[in-house]
Amino acid sequence: MTAKSATTAGELDGELFERCCEGDRDALEQFVRLYERRVHAFLSRALRADNRIDDLAQEVFIRAYKNIHKFDPRGSARLSTWLLTIAYHVVVDTRRRWKSNPMATIGAAHPDGAQVNPENEYWRRELDSALVSAAEKLPAEQRDTFILAEYHELDMVEIGKITGASPATVKTRLFRARSRMRELLAPVWEVLR
């Protein structure tokens, strides 16, 4: 079975999920390949951990392997939402362990094959730096909510399931995060005009 035939809309199909629950090594490898980019993206945006992201992602998948039998594929949550919930808890645990609040890294790499224009690259780096700096000033709950909404395109209910907050709280956090980001990025937009 190929990874493409094992997924439906970017999610694990039922047969592959069952094989994962049974501990099938090939199925578990496909599971990791399917979700590793999302997990890495969330972790690297939520924490500025550089070389530690791989270790944290591994921790997410180990927790997922140990608990995959508890996930109900017939329930309302998607497997990706369940996995991002685990990633969120790894972020919270990591922040606690570090006893400080490592800041979000919100940046996107170039799309594959994109031509690099030096001037555009300079301004992309400047904007990326401004985004990181602005995100660092957000409280952790607002930053995590912002990342899940803007970069993972999750809705209020899904974010609430991940963070343990009500949809109304998520909406408030997202509103405040977006307002603060607009305020913090206003000087950058002036320069770019």
N, C-alpha and C. Protein backbone atom coordinates (compact mmCIF):
# COMPACT_ATOMS: atom_id res chain seq x y z
N MET A 1 0.85 -1.18 0.00
CA MET A 1 0.00 0.00 0.00
C MET A 1 0.89 1.23 0.00
N THR A 2 0.63 2.18 -0.85
CA THR A 2 1.41 3.41 -0.90
C THR A 2 0.84 4.41 0.08
N ALA A 3 1.64 5.40 0.38
CA ALA A 3 1.18 6.44 1.31
C ALA A 3 -0.03 7.17 0.74
N LYS A 4 -0.07 7.36 -0.59
CA LYS A 4 -1.21 8.07 -1.18
C LYS A 4 -2.50 7.28 -1.03
N SER A 5 -2.43 5.96 -1.22
CA SER A 5 -3.66 5.18 -1.10
C SER A 5 -4.07 5.01 0.35
N ALA A 6 -3.15 5.32 1.26
CA ALA A 6 -3.44 5.15 2.68
C ALA A 6 -4.09 6.37 3.30
N THR A 7 -4.32 7.40 2.52
CA THR A 7 -4.87 8.61 3.11
C THR A 7 -6.13 9.06 2.40
N THR A 8 -6.93 9.76 3.16
CA THR A 8 -8.10 10.42 2.62
C THR A 8 -8.02 11.85 3.08
N ALA A 9 -7.91 12.78 2.15
CA ALA A 9 -7.82 14.21 2.47
C ALA A 9 -6.73 14.49 3.50
N GLY A 10 -5.58 13.81 3.32
CA GLY A 10 -4.47 14.05 4.23
C GLY A 10 -4.60 13.38 5.58
N GLU A 11 -5.54 12.49 5.73
CA GLU A 11 -5.73 11.77 6.99
C GLU A 11 -5.52 10.28 6.76
N LEU A 12 -5.18 9.56 7.80
CA LEU A 12 -4.98 8.13 7.75
C LEU A 12 -6.31 7.44 7.45
N ASP A 13 -6.28 6.45 6.55
CA ASP A 13 -7.52 5.72 6.29
C ASP A 13 -7.74 4.65 7.36
N GLY A 14 -8.93 4.06 7.36
CA GLY A 14 -9.31 3.10 8.40
C GLY A 14 -8.43 1.88 8.47
N GLU A 15 -8.08 1.31 7.32
CA GLU A 15 -7.26 0.10 7.30
C GLU A 15 -5.87 0.37 7.87
N LEU A 16 -5.27 1.48 7.46
CA LEU A 16 -3.94 1.82 7.95
C LEU A 16 -3.98 2.15 9.44
N PHE A 17 -5.05 2.80 9.87
CA PHE A 17 -5.21 3.11 11.29
C PHE A 17 -5.25 1.81 12.10
N GLU A 18 -6.01 0.84 11.63
CA GLU A 18 -6.10 -0.45 12.33
C GLU A 18 -4.74 -1.12 12.41
N ARG A 19 -3.99 -1.07 11.33
CA ARG A 19 -2.65 -1.66 11.31
C ARG A 19 -1.74 -0.94 12.30
N CYS A 20 -1.89 0.37 12.44
CA CYS A 20 -1.11 1.12 13.43
C CYS A 20 -1.45 0.65 14.84
N CYS A 21 -2.74 0.47 15.10
CA CYS A 21 -3.19 0.01 16.42
C CYS A 21 -2.63 -1.37 16.75
N GLU A 22 -2.42 -2.17 15.70
CA GLU A 22 -1.86 -3.51 15.89
C GLU A 22 -0.34 -3.49 16.02
N GLY A 23 0.26 -2.33 15.84
CA GLY A 23 1.71 -2.20 15.96
C GLY A 23 2.49 -2.54 14.70
N ASP A 24 1.82 -2.55 13.56
CA ASP A 24 2.47 -2.84 12.27
C ASP A 24 3.51 -1.75 11.98
N ARG A 25 4.77 -2.16 11.89
CA ARG A 25 5.87 -1.21 11.72
C ARG A 25 5.73 -0.39 10.43
N ASP A 26 5.35 -1.03 9.31
CA ASP A 26 5.18 -0.30 8.05
C ASP A 26 4.07 0.75 8.16
N ALA A 27 2.99 0.37 8.80
CA ALA A 27 1.87 1.30 8.98
C ALA A 27 2.29 2.48 9.85
N LEU A 28 3.04 2.19 10.91
CA LEU A 28 3.50 3.26 11.80
C LEU A 28 4.46 4.21 11.06
N GLU A 29 5.30 3.68 10.19
CA GLU A 29 6.19 4.53 9.39
C GLU A 29 5.37 5.43 8.46
N GLN A 30 4.32 4.88 7.85
CA GLN A 30 3.46 5.69 6.99
C GLN A 30 2.75 6.76 7.81
N PHE A 31 2.33 6.41 9.01
CA PHE A 31 1.69 7.35 9.93
C PHE A 31 2.62 8.54 10.19
N VAL A 32 3.88 8.25 10.50
CA VAL A 32 4.85 9.31 10.76
C VAL A 32 5.06 10.16 9.51
N ARG A 33 5.26 9.52 8.36
CA ARG A 33 5.49 10.28 7.12
C ARG A 33 4.31 11.19 6.80
N LEU A 34 3.11 10.72 7.07
CA LEU A 34 1.92 11.50 6.76
C LEU A 34 1.80 12.76 7.63
N TYR A 35 2.17 12.65 8.90
CA TYR A 35 1.94 13.74 9.85
C TYR A 35 3.19 14.49 10.31
N GLU A 36 4.38 14.02 9.94
CA GLU A 36 5.59 14.63 10.50
C GLU A 36 5.75 16.10 10.14
N ARG A 37 5.38 16.50 8.94
CA ARG A 37 5.53 17.92 8.56
C ARG A 37 4.64 18.81 9.42
N ARG A 38 3.40 18.37 9.67
CA ARG A 38 2.49 19.18 10.51
C ARG A 38 3.01 19.30 11.93
N VAL A 39 3.50 18.17 12.46
CA VAL A 39 4.02 18.17 13.83
C VAL A 39 5.26 19.05 13.92
N HIS A 40 6.18 18.88 12.99
CA HIS A 40 7.40 19.71 12.98
C HIS A 40 7.04 21.19 12.84
N ALA A 41 6.12 21.51 11.96
CA ALA A 41 5.73 22.91 11.74
C ALA A 41 5.17 23.51 13.02
N PHE A 42 4.28 22.79 13.68
CA PHE A 42 3.70 23.32 14.91
C PHE A 42 4.77 23.51 15.99
N LEU A 43 5.60 22.48 16.19
CA LEU A 43 6.62 22.56 17.23
C LEU A 43 7.61 23.69 16.97
N SER A 44 8.05 23.84 15.72
CA SER A 44 9.04 24.86 15.43
C SER A 44 8.46 26.27 15.51
N ARG A 45 7.17 26.40 15.27
CA ARG A 45 6.54 27.71 15.40
C ARG A 45 6.20 28.04 16.85
N ALA A 46 5.88 27.02 17.62
CA ALA A 46 5.51 27.25 19.01
C ALA A 46 6.73 27.42 19.91
N LEU A 47 7.83 26.79 19.53
CA LEU A 47 9.06 26.84 20.34
C LEU A 47 10.23 27.17 19.43
N ARG A 48 11.10 28.00 19.89
CA ARG A 48 12.34 28.23 19.13
C ARG A 48 13.35 27.25 19.71
N ALA A 49 13.36 26.05 19.19
CA ALA A 49 14.20 25.00 19.76
C ALA A 49 15.25 24.50 18.79
N ASP A 50 15.26 25.00 17.58
CA ASP A 50 16.24 24.63 16.56
C ASP A 50 16.46 23.12 16.49
N ASN A 51 17.62 22.67 16.99
CA ASN A 51 17.96 21.26 16.84
C ASN A 51 17.17 20.34 17.76
N ARG A 52 16.40 20.88 18.67
CA ARG A 52 15.61 20.05 19.58
C ARG A 52 14.26 19.64 18.98
N ILE A 53 13.87 20.25 17.88
CA ILE A 53 12.56 19.96 17.30
C ILE A 53 12.43 18.48 16.93
N ASP A 54 13.47 17.89 16.38
CA ASP A 54 13.41 16.47 16.03
C ASP A 54 13.15 15.61 17.26
N ASP A 55 13.82 15.94 18.37
CA ASP A 55 13.61 15.18 19.60
C ASP A 55 12.18 15.36 20.12
N LEU A 56 11.68 16.58 20.04
CA LEU A 56 10.32 16.85 20.51
C LEU A 56 9.29 16.16 19.61
N ALA A 57 9.53 16.16 18.30
CA ALA A 57 8.62 15.47 17.38
C ALA A 57 8.63 13.97 17.68
N GLN A 58 9.80 13.43 17.95
CA GLN A 58 9.89 12.03 18.30
C GLN A 58 9.07 11.74 19.56
N GLU A 59 9.15 12.65 20.53
CA GLU A 59 8.35 12.49 21.75
C GLU A 59 6.85 12.49 21.43
N VAL A 60 6.43 13.36 20.51
CA VAL A 60 5.02 13.40 20.11
C VAL A 60 4.61 12.05 19.53
N PHE A 61 5.40 11.53 18.61
CA PHE A 61 5.03 10.26 17.97
C PHE A 61 5.11 9.08 18.93
N ILE A 62 6.03 9.11 19.87
CA ILE A 62 6.09 8.04 20.87
C ILE A 62 4.82 8.06 21.72
N ARG A 63 4.41 9.26 22.15
CA ARG A 63 3.15 9.37 22.91
C ARG A 63 1.97 8.89 22.07
N ALA A 64 1.98 9.24 20.79
CA ALA A 64 0.89 8.83 19.90
C ALA A 64 0.87 7.31 19.76
N TYR A 65 2.04 6.68 19.56
CA TYR A 65 2.10 5.22 19.43
C TYR A 65 1.53 4.54 20.65
N LYS A 66 1.88 5.07 21.82
CA LYS A 66 1.43 4.46 23.07
C LYS A 66 -0.07 4.59 23.28
N ASN A 67 -0.66 5.60 22.66
CA ASN A 67 -2.08 5.89 22.92
C ASN A 67 -2.98 5.80 21.70
N ILE A 68 -2.47 5.36 20.57
CA ILE A 68 -3.28 5.37 19.34
C ILE A 68 -4.53 4.52 19.48
N HIS A 69 -4.45 3.47 20.27
CA HIS A 69 -5.62 2.61 20.47
C HIS A 69 -6.76 3.34 21.20
N LYS A 70 -6.45 4.47 21.85
CA LYS A 70 -7.48 5.25 22.55
C LYS A 70 -8.23 6.21 21.63
N PHE A 71 -7.67 6.46 20.44
CA PHE A 71 -8.32 7.38 19.49
C PHE A 71 -9.50 6.68 18.84
N ASP A 72 -10.64 7.37 18.77
CA ASP A 72 -11.84 6.82 18.12
C ASP A 72 -11.96 7.44 16.73
N PRO A 73 -11.65 6.66 15.69
CA PRO A 73 -11.72 7.21 14.33
C PRO A 73 -13.14 7.56 13.89
N ARG A 74 -14.14 7.08 14.64
CA ARG A 74 -15.53 7.40 14.30
C ARG A 74 -16.03 8.63 15.05
N GLY A 75 -15.17 9.19 15.90
CA GLY A 75 -15.53 10.37 16.68
C GLY A 75 -15.46 11.63 15.83
N SER A 76 -15.67 12.76 16.47
CA SER A 76 -15.72 14.03 15.74
C SER A 76 -14.35 14.60 15.42
N ALA A 77 -13.32 14.20 16.17
CA ALA A 77 -11.97 14.74 15.95
C ALA A 77 -11.26 13.97 14.84
N ARG A 78 -10.49 14.73 14.04
CA ARG A 78 -9.64 14.09 13.05
C ARG A 78 -8.37 13.60 13.75
N LEU A 79 -7.71 12.63 13.16
CA LEU A 79 -6.47 12.12 13.73
C LEU A 79 -5.41 13.21 13.79
N SER A 80 -5.39 14.10 12.80
CA SER A 80 -4.41 15.19 12.81
C SER A 80 -4.66 16.13 13.99
N THR A 81 -5.92 16.37 14.34
CA THR A 81 -6.25 17.21 15.49
C THR A 81 -5.81 16.53 16.78
N TRP A 82 -6.03 15.23 16.87
CA TRP A 82 -5.61 14.46 18.04
C TRP A 82 -4.09 14.53 18.18
N LEU A 83 -3.38 14.38 17.07
CA LEU A 83 -1.92 14.42 17.10
C LEU A 83 -1.41 15.82 17.46
N LEU A 84 -2.05 16.86 16.95
CA LEU A 84 -1.65 18.22 17.32
C LEU A 84 -1.96 18.50 18.80
N THR A 85 -2.96 17.83 19.35
CA THR A 85 -3.23 17.94 20.78
C THR A 85 -2.06 17.39 21.57
N ILE A 86 -1.55 16.25 21.14
CA ILE A 86 -0.38 15.67 21.79
C ILE A 86 0.81 16.63 21.65
N ALA A 87 1.00 17.18 20.45
CA ALA A 87 2.10 18.13 20.21
C ALA A 87 1.95 19.35 21.12
N TYR A 88 0.73 19.83 21.27
CA TYR A 88 0.47 20.98 22.15
C TYR A 88 0.90 20.66 23.58
N HIS A 89 0.56 19.47 24.06
CA HIS A 89 0.94 19.08 25.42
C HIS A 89 2.46 18.93 25.55
N VAL A 90 3.13 18.48 24.50
CA VAL A 90 4.59 18.41 24.52
C VAL A 90 5.16 19.83 24.62
N VAL A 91 4.57 20.78 23.90
CA VAL A 91 5.02 22.18 23.97
C VAL A 91 4.85 22.71 25.40
N VAL A 92 3.68 22.49 25.99
CA VAL A 92 3.42 22.96 27.35
C VAL A 92 4.41 22.33 28.33
N ASP A 93 4.62 21.01 28.20
CA ASP A 93 5.57 20.32 29.09
C ASP A 93 6.99 20.85 28.88
N THR A 94 7.37 21.10 27.64
CA THR A 94 8.71 21.60 27.33
C THR A 94 8.91 22.99 27.92
N ARG A 95 7.91 23.85 27.77
CA ARG A 95 8.02 25.19 28.35
C ARG A 95 8.21 25.10 29.86
N ARG A 96 7.49 24.19 30.49
CA ARG A 96 7.63 24.01 31.93
C ARG A 96 9.04 23.55 32.29
N ARG A 97 9.54 22.58 31.51
CA ARG A 97 10.89 22.05 31.77
C ARG A 97 11.95 23.13 31.60
N TRP A 98 11.80 23.97 30.62
CA TRP A 98 12.79 25.00 30.35
C TRP A 98 12.73 26.13 31.37
N LYS A 99 11.64 26.20 32.12
CA LYS A 99 11.44 27.24 33.13
C LYS A 99 11.58 28.64 32.56
N SER A 100 11.45 28.74 31.29
CA SER A 100 11.40 30.03 30.62
C SER A 100 10.43 29.84 29.47
N ASN A 101 10.20 30.87 28.75
CA ASN A 101 9.22 30.78 27.67
C ASN A 101 9.90 30.97 26.32
N PRO A 102 10.50 29.88 25.73
CA PRO A 102 11.09 30.02 24.41
C PRO A 102 10.04 30.54 23.44
N MET A 103 10.45 31.40 22.55
CA MET A 103 9.50 32.09 21.70
C MET A 103 9.22 31.37 20.39
N ALA A 104 8.09 31.72 19.83
CA ALA A 104 7.65 31.11 18.58
C ALA A 104 8.56 31.53 17.43
N THR A 105 8.70 30.62 16.52
CA THR A 105 9.37 30.93 15.27
C THR A 105 8.32 30.78 14.20
N ILE A 106 7.93 31.89 13.64
CA ILE A 106 6.89 31.85 12.63
C ILE A 106 7.53 32.27 11.33
N GLY A 107 7.85 31.31 10.53
CA GLY A 107 8.49 31.62 9.26
C GLY A 107 8.24 30.49 8.31
N ALA A 108 8.23 30.78 7.07
CA ALA A 108 8.01 29.75 6.08
C ALA A 108 9.19 29.70 5.15
N ALA A 109 9.56 28.50 4.78
CA ALA A 109 10.65 28.33 3.82
C ALA A 109 10.12 28.64 2.42
N HIS A 110 11.05 28.79 1.51
CA HIS A 110 10.65 29.01 0.12
C HIS A 110 9.96 27.78 -0.42
N PRO A 111 8.95 27.95 -1.27
CA PRO A 111 8.38 26.79 -1.94
C PRO A 111 9.47 26.14 -2.78
N ASP A 112 9.41 24.82 -2.92
CA ASP A 112 10.40 24.12 -3.72
C ASP A 112 10.45 24.68 -5.13
N GLY A 113 11.66 24.91 -5.58
CA GLY A 113 11.85 25.35 -6.95
C GLY A 113 11.65 26.83 -7.18
N ALA A 114 11.39 27.59 -6.13
CA ALA A 114 11.17 29.02 -6.32
C ALA A 114 12.48 29.73 -6.64
N GLN A 115 12.44 30.66 -7.57
CA GLN A 115 13.61 31.46 -7.92
C GLN A 115 13.85 32.46 -6.79
N VAL A 116 15.10 32.63 -6.41
CA VAL A 116 15.43 33.53 -5.33
C VAL A 116 15.92 34.85 -5.90
N ASN A 117 15.19 35.91 -5.61
CA ASN A 117 15.57 37.26 -5.98
C ASN A 117 16.19 37.88 -4.73
N PRO A 118 17.44 38.37 -4.82
CA PRO A 118 18.11 38.87 -3.61
C PRO A 118 17.32 39.94 -2.85
N GLU A 119 16.70 40.86 -3.58
CA GLU A 119 15.93 41.90 -2.89
C GLU A 119 14.71 41.31 -2.22
N ASN A 120 14.00 40.44 -2.93
CA ASN A 120 12.83 39.79 -2.34
C ASN A 120 13.24 38.93 -1.15
N GLU A 121 14.37 38.24 -1.26
CA GLU A 121 14.86 37.40 -0.17
C GLU A 121 15.18 38.26 1.06
N TYR A 122 15.78 39.41 0.85
CA TYR A 122 16.08 40.32 1.95
C TYR A 122 14.79 40.72 2.67
N TRP A 123 13.79 41.15 1.90
CA TRP A 123 12.54 41.60 2.52
C TRP A 123 11.77 40.44 3.15
N ARG A 124 11.89 39.24 2.59
CA ARG A 124 11.25 38.08 3.19
C ARG A 124 11.88 37.81 4.55
N ARG A 125 13.22 37.88 4.62
CA ARG A 125 13.90 37.66 5.90
C ARG A 125 13.54 38.75 6.91
N GLU A 126 13.43 39.98 6.45
CA GLU A 126 13.05 41.08 7.33
C GLU A 126 11.62 40.86 7.88
N LEU A 127 10.72 40.47 7.01
CA LEU A 127 9.34 40.22 7.44
C LEU A 127 9.29 39.03 8.38
N ASP A 128 10.04 37.98 8.06
CA ASP A 128 10.09 36.80 8.92
C ASP A 128 10.60 37.18 10.31
N SER A 129 11.64 37.98 10.34
CA SER A 129 12.21 38.43 11.61
C SER A 129 11.20 39.27 12.39
N ALA A 130 10.47 40.11 11.70
CA ALA A 130 9.44 40.94 12.35
C ALA A 130 8.32 40.07 12.90
N LEU A 131 7.92 39.04 12.15
CA LEU A 131 6.88 38.12 12.62
C LEU A 131 7.33 37.39 13.88
N VAL A 132 8.56 36.90 13.86
CA VAL A 132 9.10 36.20 15.03
C VAL A 132 9.13 37.13 16.23
N SER A 133 9.64 38.33 16.01
CA SER A 133 9.74 39.31 17.10
C SER A 133 8.35 39.65 17.66
N ALA A 134 7.38 39.84 16.77
CA ALA A 134 6.02 40.16 17.22
C ALA A 134 5.41 38.99 17.98
N ALA A 135 5.60 37.78 17.45
CA ALA A 135 5.03 36.60 18.11
C ALA A 135 5.65 36.38 19.48
N GLU A 136 6.92 36.73 19.64
CA GLU A 136 7.58 36.59 20.94
C GLU A 136 6.90 37.42 22.02
N LYS A 137 6.22 38.46 21.61
CA LYS A 137 5.59 39.36 22.58
C LYS A 137 4.18 38.91 22.97
N LEU A 138 3.67 37.89 22.30
CA LEU A 138 2.33 37.38 22.63
C LEU A 138 2.42 36.42 23.81
N PRO A 139 1.42 36.43 24.69
CA PRO A 139 1.37 35.40 25.73
C PRO A 139 1.27 34.01 25.06
N ALA A 140 1.79 33.00 25.72
CA ALA A 140 1.87 31.65 25.14
C ALA A 140 0.52 31.16 24.60
N GLU A 141 -0.56 31.36 25.35
CA GLU A 141 -1.87 30.86 24.90
C GLU A 141 -2.30 31.55 23.61
N GLN A 142 -2.07 32.85 23.51
CA GLN A 142 -2.43 33.58 22.29
C GLN A 142 -1.55 33.14 21.12
N ARG A 143 -0.26 32.97 21.38
CA ARG A 143 0.67 32.57 20.33
C ARG A 143 0.30 31.19 19.79
N ASP A 144 0.03 30.23 20.68
CA ASP A 144 -0.33 28.88 20.24
C ASP A 144 -1.63 28.91 19.43
N THR A 145 -2.60 29.66 19.90
CA THR A 145 -3.88 29.78 19.20
C THR A 145 -3.67 30.40 17.82
N PHE A 146 -2.87 31.45 17.76
CA PHE A 146 -2.57 32.13 16.50
C PHE A 146 -1.91 31.16 15.51
N ILE A 147 -0.93 30.40 15.97
CA ILE A 147 -0.23 29.45 15.11
C ILE A 147 -1.18 28.38 14.60
N LEU A 148 -1.99 27.82 15.48
CA LEU A 148 -2.92 26.76 15.07
C LEU A 148 -3.95 27.28 14.08
N ALA A 149 -4.39 28.52 14.24
CA ALA A 149 -5.40 29.09 13.33
C ALA A 149 -4.79 29.52 12.01
N GLU A 150 -3.71 30.28 12.06
CA GLU A 150 -3.15 30.89 10.86
C GLU A 150 -2.26 29.95 10.05
N TYR A 151 -1.55 29.08 10.70
CA TYR A 151 -0.60 28.23 9.99
C TYR A 151 -1.06 26.80 9.81
N HIS A 152 -1.97 26.35 10.66
CA HIS A 152 -2.50 25.00 10.53
C HIS A 152 -3.96 25.01 10.10
N GLU A 153 -4.51 26.20 9.95
CA GLU A 153 -5.86 26.42 9.44
C GLU A 153 -6.93 25.59 10.18
N LEU A 154 -6.81 25.55 11.50
CA LEU A 154 -7.80 24.86 12.31
C LEU A 154 -8.89 25.83 12.73
N ASP A 155 -10.09 25.30 12.92
CA ASP A 155 -11.18 26.16 13.35
C ASP A 155 -11.21 26.26 14.88
N MET A 156 -12.12 27.09 15.39
CA MET A 156 -12.18 27.36 16.83
C MET A 156 -12.42 26.10 17.66
N VAL A 157 -13.29 25.24 17.16
CA VAL A 157 -13.61 24.00 17.89
C VAL A 157 -12.39 23.10 17.97
N GLU A 158 -11.69 22.93 16.84
CA GLU A 158 -10.50 22.08 16.82
C GLU A 158 -9.41 22.65 17.74
N ILE A 159 -9.20 23.95 17.69
CA ILE A 159 -8.20 24.57 18.56
C ILE A 159 -8.60 24.39 20.02
N GLY A 160 -9.88 24.52 20.30
CA GLY A 160 -10.37 24.31 21.65
C GLY A 160 -10.10 22.89 22.15
N LYS A 161 -10.29 21.91 21.27
CA LYS A 161 -10.01 20.52 21.64
C LYS A 161 -8.53 20.33 21.93
N ILE A 162 -7.69 20.98 21.16
CA ILE A 162 -6.24 20.84 21.34
C ILE A 162 -5.78 21.52 22.62
N THR A 163 -6.25 22.74 22.87
CA THR A 163 -5.75 23.52 24.01
C THR A 163 -6.56 23.34 25.29
N GLY A 164 -7.71 22.70 25.17
CA GLY A 164 -8.56 22.52 26.34
C GLY A 164 -9.36 23.76 26.70
N ALA A 165 -9.49 24.67 25.75
CA ALA A 165 -10.24 25.91 25.97
C ALA A 165 -11.56 25.85 25.23
N SER A 166 -12.52 26.62 25.68
CA SER A 166 -13.82 26.67 25.00
C SER A 166 -13.64 27.43 23.68
N PRO A 167 -14.52 27.18 22.70
CA PRO A 167 -14.44 27.94 21.44
C PRO A 167 -14.50 29.46 21.67
N ALA A 168 -15.26 29.89 22.65
CA ALA A 168 -15.34 31.33 22.94
C ALA A 168 -14.01 31.86 23.43
N THR A 169 -13.34 31.11 24.28
CA THR A 169 -12.02 31.51 24.77
C THR A 169 -11.02 31.53 23.63
N VAL A 170 -11.08 30.52 22.76
CA VAL A 170 -10.20 30.46 21.59
C VAL A 170 -10.42 31.68 20.71
N LYS A 171 -11.67 32.02 20.49
CA LYS A 171 -12.00 33.17 19.65
C LYS A 171 -11.43 34.46 20.24
N THR A 172 -11.55 34.61 21.56
CA THR A 172 -11.02 35.78 22.24
C THR A 172 -9.50 35.83 22.14
N ARG A 173 -8.85 34.69 22.38
CA ARG A 173 -7.39 34.64 22.28
C ARG A 173 -6.92 34.99 20.87
N LEU A 174 -7.62 34.45 19.88
CA LEU A 174 -7.23 34.70 18.49
C LEU A 174 -7.45 36.16 18.13
N PHE A 175 -8.56 36.73 18.57
CA PHE A 175 -8.83 38.15 18.31
C PHE A 175 -7.73 39.02 18.93
N ARG A 176 -7.38 38.73 20.17
CA ARG A 176 -6.35 39.51 20.85
C ARG A 176 -4.98 39.32 20.20
N ALA A 177 -4.68 38.09 19.80
CA ALA A 177 -3.39 37.82 19.13
C ALA A 177 -3.30 38.56 17.81
N ARG A 178 -4.36 38.51 17.02
CA ARG A 178 -4.34 39.20 15.72
C ARG A 178 -4.24 40.71 15.92
N SER A 179 -4.98 41.23 16.88
CA SER A 179 -4.92 42.68 17.15
C SER A 179 -3.52 43.10 17.57
N ARG A 180 -2.93 42.34 18.46
CA ARG A 180 -1.57 42.66 18.94
C ARG A 180 -0.56 42.52 17.81
N MET A 181 -0.70 41.49 16.96
CA MET A 181 0.23 41.31 15.83
C MET A 181 0.11 42.49 14.86
N ARG A 182 -1.11 42.94 14.59
CA ARG A 182 -1.29 44.11 13.71
C ARG A 182 -0.60 45.33 14.29
N GLU A 183 -0.78 45.52 15.58
CA GLU A 183 -0.17 46.66 16.26
C GLU A 183 1.37 46.57 16.21
N LEU A 184 1.90 45.40 16.50
CA LEU A 184 3.35 45.23 16.52
C LEU A 184 3.98 45.29 15.13
N LEU A 185 3.22 44.88 14.11
CA LEU A 185 3.76 44.85 12.75
C LEU A 185 3.50 46.13 11.97
N ALA A 186 2.75 47.07 12.54
CA ALA A 186 2.44 48.32 11.83
C ALA A 186 3.69 49.03 11.32
N PRO A 187 4.75 49.15 12.11
CA PRO A 187 5.95 49.83 11.59
C PRO A 187 6.57 49.10 10.39
N VAL A 188 6.48 47.79 10.38
CA VAL A 188 7.04 47.00 9.27
C VAL A 188 6.25 47.28 8.00
N TRP A 189 4.93 47.32 8.11
CA TRP A 189 4.09 47.57 6.94
C TRP A 189 4.38 48.97 6.37
N GLU A 190 4.67 49.92 7.24
CA GLU A 190 5.01 51.27 6.78
C GLU A 190 6.27 51.26 5.92
N VAL A 191 7.27 50.48 6.36
CA VAL A 191 8.53 50.38 5.60
C VAL A 191 8.31 49.69 4.26
N LEU A 192 7.44 48.70 4.24
CA LEU A 192 7.21 47.92 3.02
C LEU A 192 6.36 48.66 1.99
N ARG A 193 5.69 49.73 2.39
CA ARG A 193 4.82 50.45 1.46
C ARG A 193 5.58 51.18 0.46
